[in-house]
Amino acid sequence: LYIQQQMQSHQQALMVQQNYAKHG
């Protein structure tokens, strides 16, 4: 469960970081 949740949350975090890096 930890690995599953971390994968989901890190994919979301990656979207946030990439979006701000590009459009911030």
mmCIF file of all heavy atoms, coordinates in Angstrom:
data_MODEL
# 
_entry.id   MODEL 
# 
loop_
_atom_site.group_PDB 
_atom_site.id 
_atom_site.type_symbol 
_atom_site.label_atom_id 
_atom_site.label_alt_id 
_atom_site.label_comp_id 
_atom_site.label_asym_id 
_atom_site.label_entity_id 
_atom_site.label_seq_id 
_atom_site.pdbx_PDB_ins_code 
_atom_site.Cartn_x 
_atom_site.Cartn_y 
_atom_site.Cartn_z 
_atom_site.occupancy 
_atom_site.B_iso_or_equiv 
_atom_site.pdbx_formal_charge 
_atom_site.auth_seq_id 
_atom_site.auth_comp_id 
_atom_site.auth_asym_id 
_atom_site.auth_atom_id 
_atom_site.pdbx_PDB_model_num 
ATOM 1   N N   . LEU A 1 1  ? 0.832  -1.199 0.000   1.00 0.00 ? 1  LEU A N   1 
ATOM 2   C CA  . LEU A 1 1  ? 0.000  0.000  0.000   1.00 0.00 ? 1  LEU A CA  1 
ATOM 3   C C   . LEU A 1 1  ? 0.870  1.253  0.000   1.00 0.00 ? 1  LEU A C   1 
ATOM 4   O O   . LEU A 1 1  ? 0.584  2.216  -0.721  1.00 0.00 ? 1  LEU A O   1 
ATOM 5   C CB  . LEU A 1 1  ? -0.948 0.003  1.200   1.00 0.00 ? 1  LEU A CB  1 
ATOM 6   C CG  . LEU A 1 1  ? -1.904 1.194  1.304   1.00 0.00 ? 1  LEU A CG  1 
ATOM 7   C CD1 . LEU A 1 1  ? -2.803 1.288  0.072   1.00 0.00 ? 1  LEU A CD1 1 
ATOM 8   C CD2 . LEU A 1 1  ? -2.735 1.098  2.576   1.00 0.00 ? 1  LEU A CD2 1 
ATOM 9   N N   . TYR A 1 2  ? 1.931  1.238  0.781   1.00 0.00 ? 2  TYR A N   1 
ATOM 10  C CA  . TYR A 1 2  ? 2.837  2.390  0.833   1.00 0.00 ? 2  TYR A CA  1 
ATOM 11  C C   . TYR A 1 2  ? 3.427  2.674  -0.548  1.00 0.00 ? 2  TYR A C   1 
ATOM 12  O O   . TYR A 1 2  ? 3.416  3.818  -1.016  1.00 0.00 ? 2  TYR A O   1 
ATOM 13  C CB  . TYR A 1 2  ? 3.950  2.140  1.852   1.00 0.00 ? 2  TYR A CB  1 
ATOM 14  C CG  . TYR A 1 2  ? 4.975  3.253  1.918   1.00 0.00 ? 2  TYR A CG  1 
ATOM 15  C CD1 . TYR A 1 2  ? 4.634  4.523  2.386   1.00 0.00 ? 2  TYR A CD1 1 
ATOM 16  C CD2 . TYR A 1 2  ? 6.286  3.041  1.508   1.00 0.00 ? 2  TYR A CD2 1 
ATOM 17  C CE1 . TYR A 1 2  ? 5.575  5.546  2.444   1.00 0.00 ? 2  TYR A CE1 1 
ATOM 18  C CE2 . TYR A 1 2  ? 7.232  4.055  1.565   1.00 0.00 ? 2  TYR A CE2 1 
ATOM 19  C CZ  . TYR A 1 2  ? 6.866  5.302  2.034   1.00 0.00 ? 2  TYR A CZ  1 
ATOM 20  O OH  . TYR A 1 2  ? 7.805  6.318  2.087   1.00 0.00 ? 2  TYR A OH  1 
ATOM 21  N N   . ILE A 1 3  ? 3.915  1.652  -1.216  1.00 0.00 ? 3  ILE A N   1 
ATOM 22  C CA  . ILE A 1 3  ? 4.504  1.830  -2.544  1.00 0.00 ? 3  ILE A CA  1 
ATOM 23  C C   . ILE A 1 3  ? 3.450  2.367  -3.521  1.00 0.00 ? 3  ILE A C   1 
ATOM 24  O O   . ILE A 1 3  ? 3.717  3.291  -4.296  1.00 0.00 ? 3  ILE A O   1 
ATOM 25  C CB  . ILE A 1 3  ? 5.138  0.521  -3.051  1.00 0.00 ? 3  ILE A CB  1 
ATOM 26  C CG1 . ILE A 1 3  ? 6.378  0.189  -2.203  1.00 0.00 ? 3  ILE A CG1 1 
ATOM 27  C CG2 . ILE A 1 3  ? 5.486  0.607  -4.528  1.00 0.00 ? 3  ILE A CG2 1 
ATOM 28  C CD1 . ILE A 1 3  ? 6.924  -1.211 -2.415  1.00 0.00 ? 3  ILE A CD1 1 
ATOM 29  N N   . GLN A 1 4  ? 2.253  1.822  -3.474  1.00 0.00 ? 4  GLN A N   1 
ATOM 30  C CA  . GLN A 1 4  ? 1.166  2.272  -4.355  1.00 0.00 ? 4  GLN A CA  1 
ATOM 31  C C   . GLN A 1 4  ? 0.844  3.744  -4.102  1.00 0.00 ? 4  GLN A C   1 
ATOM 32  O O   . GLN A 1 4  ? 0.739  4.538  -5.044  1.00 0.00 ? 4  GLN A O   1 
ATOM 33  C CB  . GLN A 1 4  ? -0.067 1.410  -4.120  1.00 0.00 ? 4  GLN A CB  1 
ATOM 34  C CG  . GLN A 1 4  ? -1.319 1.874  -4.834  1.00 0.00 ? 4  GLN A CG  1 
ATOM 35  C CD  . GLN A 1 4  ? -2.566 1.154  -4.327  1.00 0.00 ? 4  GLN A CD  1 
ATOM 36  O OE1 . GLN A 1 4  ? -2.507 0.042  -3.816  1.00 0.00 ? 4  GLN A OE1 1 
ATOM 37  N NE2 . GLN A 1 4  ? -3.698 1.808  -4.456  1.00 0.00 ? 4  GLN A NE2 1 
ATOM 38  N N   . GLN A 1 5  ? 0.682  4.107  -2.837  1.00 0.00 ? 5  GLN A N   1 
ATOM 39  C CA  . GLN A 1 5  ? 0.338  5.486  -2.503  1.00 0.00 ? 5  GLN A CA  1 
ATOM 40  C C   . GLN A 1 5  ? 1.470  6.444  -2.867  1.00 0.00 ? 5  GLN A C   1 
ATOM 41  O O   . GLN A 1 5  ? 1.227  7.552  -3.350  1.00 0.00 ? 5  GLN A O   1 
ATOM 42  C CB  . GLN A 1 5  ? 0.016  5.614  -1.011  1.00 0.00 ? 5  GLN A CB  1 
ATOM 43  C CG  . GLN A 1 5  ? -1.280 4.981  -0.612  1.00 0.00 ? 5  GLN A CG  1 
ATOM 44  C CD  . GLN A 1 5  ? -1.567 5.139  0.867   1.00 0.00 ? 5  GLN A CD  1 
ATOM 45  O OE1 . GLN A 1 5  ? -0.707 5.541  1.654   1.00 0.00 ? 5  GLN A OE1 1 
ATOM 46  N NE2 . GLN A 1 5  ? -2.782 4.802  1.268   1.00 0.00 ? 5  GLN A NE2 1 
ATOM 47  N N   . GLN A 1 6  ? 2.688  6.014  -2.627  1.00 0.00 ? 6  GLN A N   1 
ATOM 48  C CA  . GLN A 1 6  ? 3.827  6.869  -2.948  1.00 0.00 ? 6  GLN A CA  1 
ATOM 49  C C   . GLN A 1 6  ? 3.969  7.066  -4.450  1.00 0.00 ? 6  GLN A C   1 
ATOM 50  O O   . GLN A 1 6  ? 4.318  8.153  -4.902  1.00 0.00 ? 6  GLN A O   1 
ATOM 51  C CB  . GLN A 1 6  ? 5.117  6.294  -2.351  1.00 0.00 ? 6  GLN A CB  1 
ATOM 52  C CG  . GLN A 1 6  ? 5.187  6.429  -0.844  1.00 0.00 ? 6  GLN A CG  1 
ATOM 53  C CD  . GLN A 1 6  ? 5.201  7.883  -0.429  1.00 0.00 ? 6  GLN A CD  1 
ATOM 54  O OE1 . GLN A 1 6  ? 6.106  8.626  -0.787  1.00 0.00 ? 6  GLN A OE1 1 
ATOM 55  N NE2 . GLN A 1 6  ? 4.190  8.305  0.309   1.00 0.00 ? 6  GLN A NE2 1 
ATOM 56  N N   . MET A 1 7  ? 3.707  6.043  -5.215  1.00 0.00 ? 7  MET A N   1 
ATOM 57  C CA  . MET A 1 7  ? 3.764  6.181  -6.670  1.00 0.00 ? 7  MET A CA  1 
ATOM 58  C C   . MET A 1 7  ? 2.740  7.213  -7.125  1.00 0.00 ? 7  MET A C   1 
ATOM 59  O O   . MET A 1 7  ? 3.045  8.122  -7.909  1.00 0.00 ? 7  MET A O   1 
ATOM 60  C CB  . MET A 1 7  ? 3.516  4.829  -7.350  1.00 0.00 ? 7  MET A CB  1 
ATOM 61  C CG  . MET A 1 7  ? 3.635  4.905  -8.864  1.00 0.00 ? 7  MET A CG  1 
ATOM 62  S SD  . MET A 1 7  ? 5.254  5.415  -9.461  1.00 0.00 ? 7  MET A SD  1 
ATOM 63  C CE  . MET A 1 7  ? 6.126  3.871  -9.284  1.00 0.00 ? 7  MET A CE  1 
ATOM 64  N N   . GLN A 1 8  ? 1.521  7.096  -6.618  1.00 0.00 ? 8  GLN A N   1 
ATOM 65  C CA  . GLN A 1 8  ? 0.464  8.040  -6.979  1.00 0.00 ? 8  GLN A CA  1 
ATOM 66  C C   . GLN A 1 8  ? 0.847  9.459  -6.561  1.00 0.00 ? 8  GLN A C   1 
ATOM 67  O O   . GLN A 1 8  ? 0.739  10.393 -7.354  1.00 0.00 ? 8  GLN A O   1 
ATOM 68  C CB  . GLN A 1 8  ? -0.848 7.625  -6.306  1.00 0.00 ? 8  GLN A CB  1 
ATOM 69  C CG  . GLN A 1 8  ? -1.994 8.583  -6.545  1.00 0.00 ? 8  GLN A CG  1 
ATOM 70  C CD  . GLN A 1 8  ? -3.250 8.178  -5.792  1.00 0.00 ? 8  GLN A CD  1 
ATOM 71  O OE1 . GLN A 1 8  ? -3.542 7.006  -5.639  1.00 0.00 ? 8  GLN A OE1 1 
ATOM 72  N NE2 . GLN A 1 8  ? -3.984 9.146  -5.309  1.00 0.00 ? 8  GLN A NE2 1 
ATOM 73  N N   . SER A 1 9  ? 1.301  9.622  -5.338  1.00 0.00 ? 9  SER A N   1 
ATOM 74  C CA  . SER A 1 9  ? 1.592  10.972 -4.850  1.00 0.00 ? 9  SER A CA  1 
ATOM 75  C C   . SER A 1 9  ? 2.812  11.570 -5.546  1.00 0.00 ? 9  SER A C   1 
ATOM 76  O O   . SER A 1 9  ? 2.848  12.780 -5.809  1.00 0.00 ? 9  SER A O   1 
ATOM 77  C CB  . SER A 1 9  ? 1.768  10.978 -3.329  1.00 0.00 ? 9  SER A CB  1 
ATOM 78  O OG  . SER A 1 9  ? 2.907  10.253 -2.944  1.00 0.00 ? 9  SER A OG  1 
ATOM 79  N N   . HIS A 1 10 ? 3.808  10.744 -5.876  1.00 0.00 ? 10 HIS A N   1 
ATOM 80  C CA  . HIS A 1 10 ? 4.973  11.269 -6.574  1.00 0.00 ? 10 HIS A CA  1 
ATOM 81  C C   . HIS A 1 10 ? 4.639  11.640 -8.022  1.00 0.00 ? 10 HIS A C   1 
ATOM 82  O O   . HIS A 1 10 ? 5.200  12.602 -8.558  1.00 0.00 ? 10 HIS A O   1 
ATOM 83  C CB  . HIS A 1 10 ? 6.145  10.278 -6.509  1.00 0.00 ? 10 HIS A CB  1 
ATOM 84  C CG  . HIS A 1 10 ? 6.920  10.403 -5.244  1.00 0.00 ? 10 HIS A CG  1 
ATOM 85  N ND1 . HIS A 1 10 ? 6.555  9.759  -4.086  1.00 0.00 ? 10 HIS A ND1 1 
ATOM 86  C CD2 . HIS A 1 10 ? 8.040  11.116 -4.958  1.00 0.00 ? 10 HIS A CD2 1 
ATOM 87  C CE1 . HIS A 1 10 ? 7.423  10.064 -3.139  1.00 0.00 ? 10 HIS A CE1 1 
ATOM 88  N NE2 . HIS A 1 10 ? 8.329  10.891 -3.646  1.00 0.00 ? 10 HIS A NE2 1 
ATOM 89  N N   . GLN A 1 11 ? 3.731  10.919 -8.647  1.00 0.00 ? 11 GLN A N   1 
ATOM 90  C CA  . GLN A 1 11 ? 3.312  11.299 -9.999  1.00 0.00 ? 11 GLN A CA  1 
ATOM 91  C C   . GLN A 1 11 ? 2.578  12.645 -9.960  1.00 0.00 ? 11 GLN A C   1 
ATOM 92  O O   . GLN A 1 11 ? 2.775  13.494 -10.830 1.00 0.00 ? 11 GLN A O   1 
ATOM 93  C CB  . GLN A 1 11 ? 2.455  10.194 -10.618 1.00 0.00 ? 11 GLN A CB  1 
ATOM 94  C CG  . GLN A 1 11 ? 3.287  8.975  -10.988 1.00 0.00 ? 11 GLN A CG  1 
ATOM 95  C CD  . GLN A 1 11 ? 2.451  7.763  -11.353 1.00 0.00 ? 11 GLN A CD  1 
ATOM 96  O OE1 . GLN A 1 11 ? 1.284  7.652  -11.020 1.00 0.00 ? 11 GLN A OE1 1 
ATOM 97  N NE2 . GLN A 1 11 ? 3.081  6.821  -12.046 1.00 0.00 ? 11 GLN A NE2 1 
ATOM 98  N N   . GLN A 1 12 ? 1.757  12.843 -8.933  1.00 0.00 ? 12 GLN A N   1 
ATOM 99  C CA  . GLN A 1 12 ? 1.077  14.129 -8.780  1.00 0.00 ? 12 GLN A CA  1 
ATOM 100 C C   . GLN A 1 12 ? 2.096  15.234 -8.503  1.00 0.00 ? 12 GLN A C   1 
ATOM 101 O O   . GLN A 1 12 ? 2.017  16.325 -9.077  1.00 0.00 ? 12 GLN A O   1 
ATOM 102 C CB  . GLN A 1 12 ? 0.052  14.061 -7.647  1.00 0.00 ? 12 GLN A CB  1 
ATOM 103 C CG  . GLN A 1 12 ? -1.137 13.190 -7.962  1.00 0.00 ? 12 GLN A CG  1 
ATOM 104 C CD  . GLN A 1 12 ? -2.056 12.992 -6.763  1.00 0.00 ? 12 GLN A CD  1 
ATOM 105 O OE1 . GLN A 1 12 ? -1.745 13.391 -5.647  1.00 0.00 ? 12 GLN A OE1 1 
ATOM 106 N NE2 . GLN A 1 12 ? -3.193 12.368 -6.998  1.00 0.00 ? 12 GLN A NE2 1 
ATOM 107 N N   . ALA A 1 13 ? 3.054  14.954 -7.627  1.00 0.00 ? 13 ALA A N   1 
ATOM 108 C CA  . ALA A 1 13 ? 4.084  15.944 -7.297  1.00 0.00 ? 13 ALA A CA  1 
ATOM 109 C C   . ALA A 1 13 ? 4.898  16.305 -8.533  1.00 0.00 ? 13 ALA A C   1 
ATOM 110 O O   . ALA A 1 13 ? 5.243  17.475 -8.741  1.00 0.00 ? 13 ALA A O   1 
ATOM 111 C CB  . ALA A 1 13 ? 4.995  15.413 -6.194  1.00 0.00 ? 13 ALA A CB  1 
ATOM 112 N N   . LEU A 1 14 ? 5.183  15.317 -9.357  1.00 0.00 ? 14 LEU A N   1 
ATOM 113 C CA  . LEU A 1 14 ? 5.937  15.574 -10.580 1.00 0.00 ? 14 LEU A CA  1 
ATOM 114 C C   . LEU A 1 14 ? 5.173  16.526 -11.490 1.00 0.00 ? 14 LEU A C   1 
ATOM 115 O O   . LEU A 1 14 ? 5.760  17.449 -12.071 1.00 0.00 ? 14 LEU A O   1 
ATOM 116 C CB  . LEU A 1 14 ? 6.252  14.256 -11.297 1.00 0.00 ? 14 LEU A CB  1 
ATOM 117 C CG  . LEU A 1 14 ? 7.114  14.368 -12.550 1.00 0.00 ? 14 LEU A CG  1 
ATOM 118 C CD1 . LEU A 1 14 ? 8.478  14.972 -12.246 1.00 0.00 ? 14 LEU A CD1 1 
ATOM 119 C CD2 . LEU A 1 14 ? 7.272  12.986 -13.187 1.00 0.00 ? 14 LEU A CD2 1 
ATOM 120 N N   . MET A 1 15 ? 3.857  16.338 -11.598 1.00 0.00 ? 15 MET A N   1 
ATOM 121 C CA  . MET A 1 15 ? 3.043  17.247 -12.415 1.00 0.00 ? 15 MET A CA  1 
ATOM 122 C C   . MET A 1 15 ? 3.112  18.670 -11.883 1.00 0.00 ? 15 MET A C   1 
ATOM 123 O O   . MET A 1 15 ? 3.250  19.626 -12.651 1.00 0.00 ? 15 MET A O   1 
ATOM 124 C CB  . MET A 1 15 ? 1.587  16.781 -12.454 1.00 0.00 ? 15 MET A CB  1 
ATOM 125 C CG  . MET A 1 15 ? 1.338  15.620 -13.383 1.00 0.00 ? 15 MET A CG  1 
ATOM 126 S SD  . MET A 1 15 ? -0.432 15.285 -13.568 1.00 0.00 ? 15 MET A SD  1 
ATOM 127 C CE  . MET A 1 15 ? -0.699 14.200 -12.174 1.00 0.00 ? 15 MET A CE  1 
ATOM 128 N N   . VAL A 1 16 ? 3.010  18.823 -10.562 1.00 0.00 ? 16 VAL A N   1 
ATOM 129 C CA  . VAL A 1 16 ? 3.071  20.158 -9.956  1.00 0.00 ? 16 VAL A CA  1 
ATOM 130 C C   . VAL A 1 16 ? 4.423  20.802 -10.243 1.00 0.00 ? 16 VAL A C   1 
ATOM 131 O O   . VAL A 1 16 ? 4.500  21.957 -10.674 1.00 0.00 ? 16 VAL A O   1 
ATOM 132 C CB  . VAL A 1 16 ? 2.819  20.080 -8.430  1.00 0.00 ? 16 VAL A CB  1 
ATOM 133 C CG1 . VAL A 1 16 ? 3.167  21.399 -7.745  1.00 0.00 ? 16 VAL A CG1 1 
ATOM 134 C CG2 . VAL A 1 16 ? 1.371  19.710 -8.149  1.00 0.00 ? 16 VAL A CG2 1 
ATOM 135 N N   . GLN A 1 17 ? 5.503  20.058 -10.007 1.00 0.00 ? 17 GLN A N   1 
ATOM 136 C CA  . GLN A 1 17 ? 6.853  20.616 -10.189 1.00 0.00 ? 17 GLN A CA  1 
ATOM 137 C C   . GLN A 1 17 ? 7.117  20.950 -11.656 1.00 0.00 ? 17 GLN A C   1 
ATOM 138 O O   . GLN A 1 17 ? 7.648  22.020 -11.970 1.00 0.00 ? 17 GLN A O   1 
ATOM 139 C CB  . GLN A 1 17 ? 7.907  19.647 -9.654  1.00 0.00 ? 17 GLN A CB  1 
ATOM 140 C CG  . GLN A 1 17 ? 7.796  19.357 -8.166  1.00 0.00 ? 17 GLN A CG  1 
ATOM 141 C CD  . GLN A 1 17 ? 8.012  20.576 -7.280  1.00 0.00 ? 17 GLN A CD  1 
ATOM 142 O OE1 . GLN A 1 17 ? 8.587  21.579 -7.673  1.00 0.00 ? 17 GLN A OE1 1 
ATOM 143 N NE2 . GLN A 1 17 ? 7.535  20.498 -6.050  1.00 0.00 ? 17 GLN A NE2 1 
ATOM 144 N N   . GLN A 1 18 ? 6.770  20.039 -12.557 1.00 0.00 ? 18 GLN A N   1 
ATOM 145 C CA  . GLN A 1 18 ? 6.997  20.293 -13.985 1.00 0.00 ? 18 GLN A CA  1 
ATOM 146 C C   . GLN A 1 18 ? 6.168  21.482 -14.466 1.00 0.00 ? 18 GLN A C   1 
ATOM 147 O O   . GLN A 1 18 ? 6.656  22.307 -15.240 1.00 0.00 ? 18 GLN A O   1 
ATOM 148 C CB  . GLN A 1 18 ? 6.657  19.055 -14.813 1.00 0.00 ? 18 GLN A CB  1 
ATOM 149 C CG  . GLN A 1 18 ? 7.670  17.944 -14.674 1.00 0.00 ? 18 GLN A CG  1 
ATOM 150 C CD  . GLN A 1 18 ? 7.266  16.675 -15.404 1.00 0.00 ? 18 GLN A CD  1 
ATOM 151 O OE1 . GLN A 1 18 ? 6.088  16.336 -15.510 1.00 0.00 ? 18 GLN A OE1 1 
ATOM 152 N NE2 . GLN A 1 18 ? 8.254  15.936 -15.885 1.00 0.00 ? 18 GLN A NE2 1 
ATOM 153 N N   . ASN A 1 19 ? 4.916  21.558 -14.014 1.00 0.00 ? 19 ASN A N   1 
ATOM 154 C CA  . ASN A 1 19 ? 4.050  22.656 -14.430 1.00 0.00 ? 19 ASN A CA  1 
ATOM 155 C C   . ASN A 1 19 ? 4.606  23.990 -13.964 1.00 0.00 ? 19 ASN A C   1 
ATOM 156 O O   . ASN A 1 19 ? 4.665  24.948 -14.738 1.00 0.00 ? 19 ASN A O   1 
ATOM 157 C CB  . ASN A 1 19 ? 2.627  22.443 -13.898 1.00 0.00 ? 19 ASN A CB  1 
ATOM 158 C CG  . ASN A 1 19 ? 1.672  23.499 -14.415 1.00 0.00 ? 19 ASN A CG  1 
ATOM 159 O OD1 . ASN A 1 19 ? 1.505  23.664 -15.604 1.00 0.00 ? 19 ASN A OD1 1 
ATOM 160 N ND2 . ASN A 1 19 ? 1.064  24.234 -13.498 1.00 0.00 ? 19 ASN A ND2 1 
ATOM 161 N N   . TYR A 1 20 ? 5.044  24.054 -12.702 1.00 0.00 ? 20 TYR A N   1 
ATOM 162 C CA  . TYR A 1 20 ? 5.548  25.341 -12.222 1.00 0.00 ? 20 TYR A CA  1 
ATOM 163 C C   . TYR A 1 20 ? 6.900  25.662 -12.853 1.00 0.00 ? 20 TYR A C   1 
ATOM 164 O O   . TYR A 1 20 ? 7.175  26.820 -13.189 1.00 0.00 ? 20 TYR A O   1 
ATOM 165 C CB  . TYR A 1 20 ? 5.638  25.403 -10.693 1.00 0.00 ? 20 TYR A CB  1 
ATOM 166 C CG  . TYR A 1 20 ? 5.666  26.848 -10.247 1.00 0.00 ? 20 TYR A CG  1 
ATOM 167 C CD1 . TYR A 1 20 ? 4.487  27.569 -10.126 1.00 0.00 ? 20 TYR A CD1 1 
ATOM 168 C CD2 . TYR A 1 20 ? 6.866  27.516 -10.038 1.00 0.00 ? 20 TYR A CD2 1 
ATOM 169 C CE1 . TYR A 1 20 ? 4.501  28.915 -9.788  1.00 0.00 ? 20 TYR A CE1 1 
ATOM 170 C CE2 . TYR A 1 20 ? 6.884  28.865 -9.697  1.00 0.00 ? 20 TYR A CE2 1 
ATOM 171 C CZ  . TYR A 1 20 ? 5.698  29.557 -9.584  1.00 0.00 ? 20 TYR A CZ  1 
ATOM 172 O OH  . TYR A 1 20 ? 5.713  30.895 -9.265  1.00 0.00 ? 20 TYR A OH  1 
ATOM 173 N N   . ALA A 1 21 ? 7.727  24.661 -13.070 1.00 0.00 ? 21 ALA A N   1 
ATOM 174 C CA  . ALA A 1 21 ? 9.022  24.889 -13.719 1.00 0.00 ? 21 ALA A CA  1 
ATOM 175 C C   . ALA A 1 21 ? 8.820  25.476 -15.116 1.00 0.00 ? 21 ALA A C   1 
ATOM 176 O O   . ALA A 1 21 ? 9.611  26.306 -15.573 1.00 0.00 ? 21 ALA A O   1 
ATOM 177 C CB  . ALA A 1 21 ? 9.821  23.588 -13.789 1.00 0.00 ? 21 ALA A CB  1 
ATOM 178 N N   . LYS A 1 22 ? 7.755  25.072 -15.774 1.00 0.00 ? 22 LYS A N   1 
ATOM 179 C CA  . LYS A 1 22 ? 7.492  25.528 -17.143 1.00 0.00 ? 22 LYS A CA  1 
ATOM 180 C C   . LYS A 1 22 ? 6.679  26.816 -17.193 1.00 0.00 ? 22 LYS A C   1 
ATOM 181 O O   . LYS A 1 22 ? 6.947  27.694 -18.015 1.00 0.00 ? 22 LYS A O   1 
ATOM 182 C CB  . LYS A 1 22 ? 6.745  24.419 -17.906 1.00 0.00 ? 22 LYS A CB  1 
ATOM 183 C CG  . LYS A 1 22 ? 6.593  24.673 -19.374 1.00 0.00 ? 22 LYS A CG  1 
ATOM 184 C CD  . LYS A 1 22 ? 5.992  23.459 -20.077 1.00 0.00 ? 22 LYS A CD  1 
ATOM 185 C CE  . LYS A 1 22 ? 5.898  23.690 -21.572 1.00 0.00 ? 22 LYS A CE  1 
ATOM 186 N NZ  . LYS A 1 22 ? 5.328  22.527 -22.259 1.00 0.00 ? 22 LYS A NZ  1 
ATOM 187 N N   . HIS A 1 23 ? 5.685  26.936 -16.316 1.00 0.00 ? 23 HIS A N   1 
ATOM 188 C CA  . HIS A 1 23 ? 4.729  28.042 -16.425 1.00 0.00 ? 23 HIS A CA  1 
ATOM 189 C C   . HIS A 1 23 ? 4.717  28.982 -15.227 1.00 0.00 ? 23 HIS A C   1 
ATOM 190 O O   . HIS A 1 23 ? 3.925  29.922 -15.211 1.00 0.00 ? 23 HIS A O   1 
ATOM 191 C CB  . HIS A 1 23 ? 3.302  27.500 -16.605 1.00 0.00 ? 23 HIS A CB  1 
ATOM 192 C CG  . HIS A 1 23 ? 3.146  26.595 -17.773 1.00 0.00 ? 23 HIS A CG  1 
ATOM 193 N ND1 . HIS A 1 23 ? 3.206  27.023 -19.076 1.00 0.00 ? 23 HIS A ND1 1 
ATOM 194 C CD2 . HIS A 1 23 ? 2.946  25.255 -17.837 1.00 0.00 ? 23 HIS A CD2 1 
ATOM 195 C CE1 . HIS A 1 23 ? 3.042  25.994 -19.893 1.00 0.00 ? 23 HIS A CE1 1 
ATOM 196 N NE2 . HIS A 1 23 ? 2.879  24.920 -19.166 1.00 0.00 ? 23 HIS A NE2 1 
ATOM 197 N N   . GLY A 1 24 ? 5.527  28.724 -14.216 1.00 0.00 ? 24 GLY A N   1 
ATOM 198 C CA  . GLY A 1 24 ? 5.479  29.505 -12.981 1.00 0.00 ? 24 GLY A CA  1 
ATOM 199 C C   . GLY A 1 24 ? 5.785  30.975 -13.194 1.00 0.00 ? 24 GLY A C   1 
ATOM 200 O O   . GLY A 1 24 ? 6.553  31.355 -14.080 1.00 0.00 ? 24 GLY A O   1 
# 
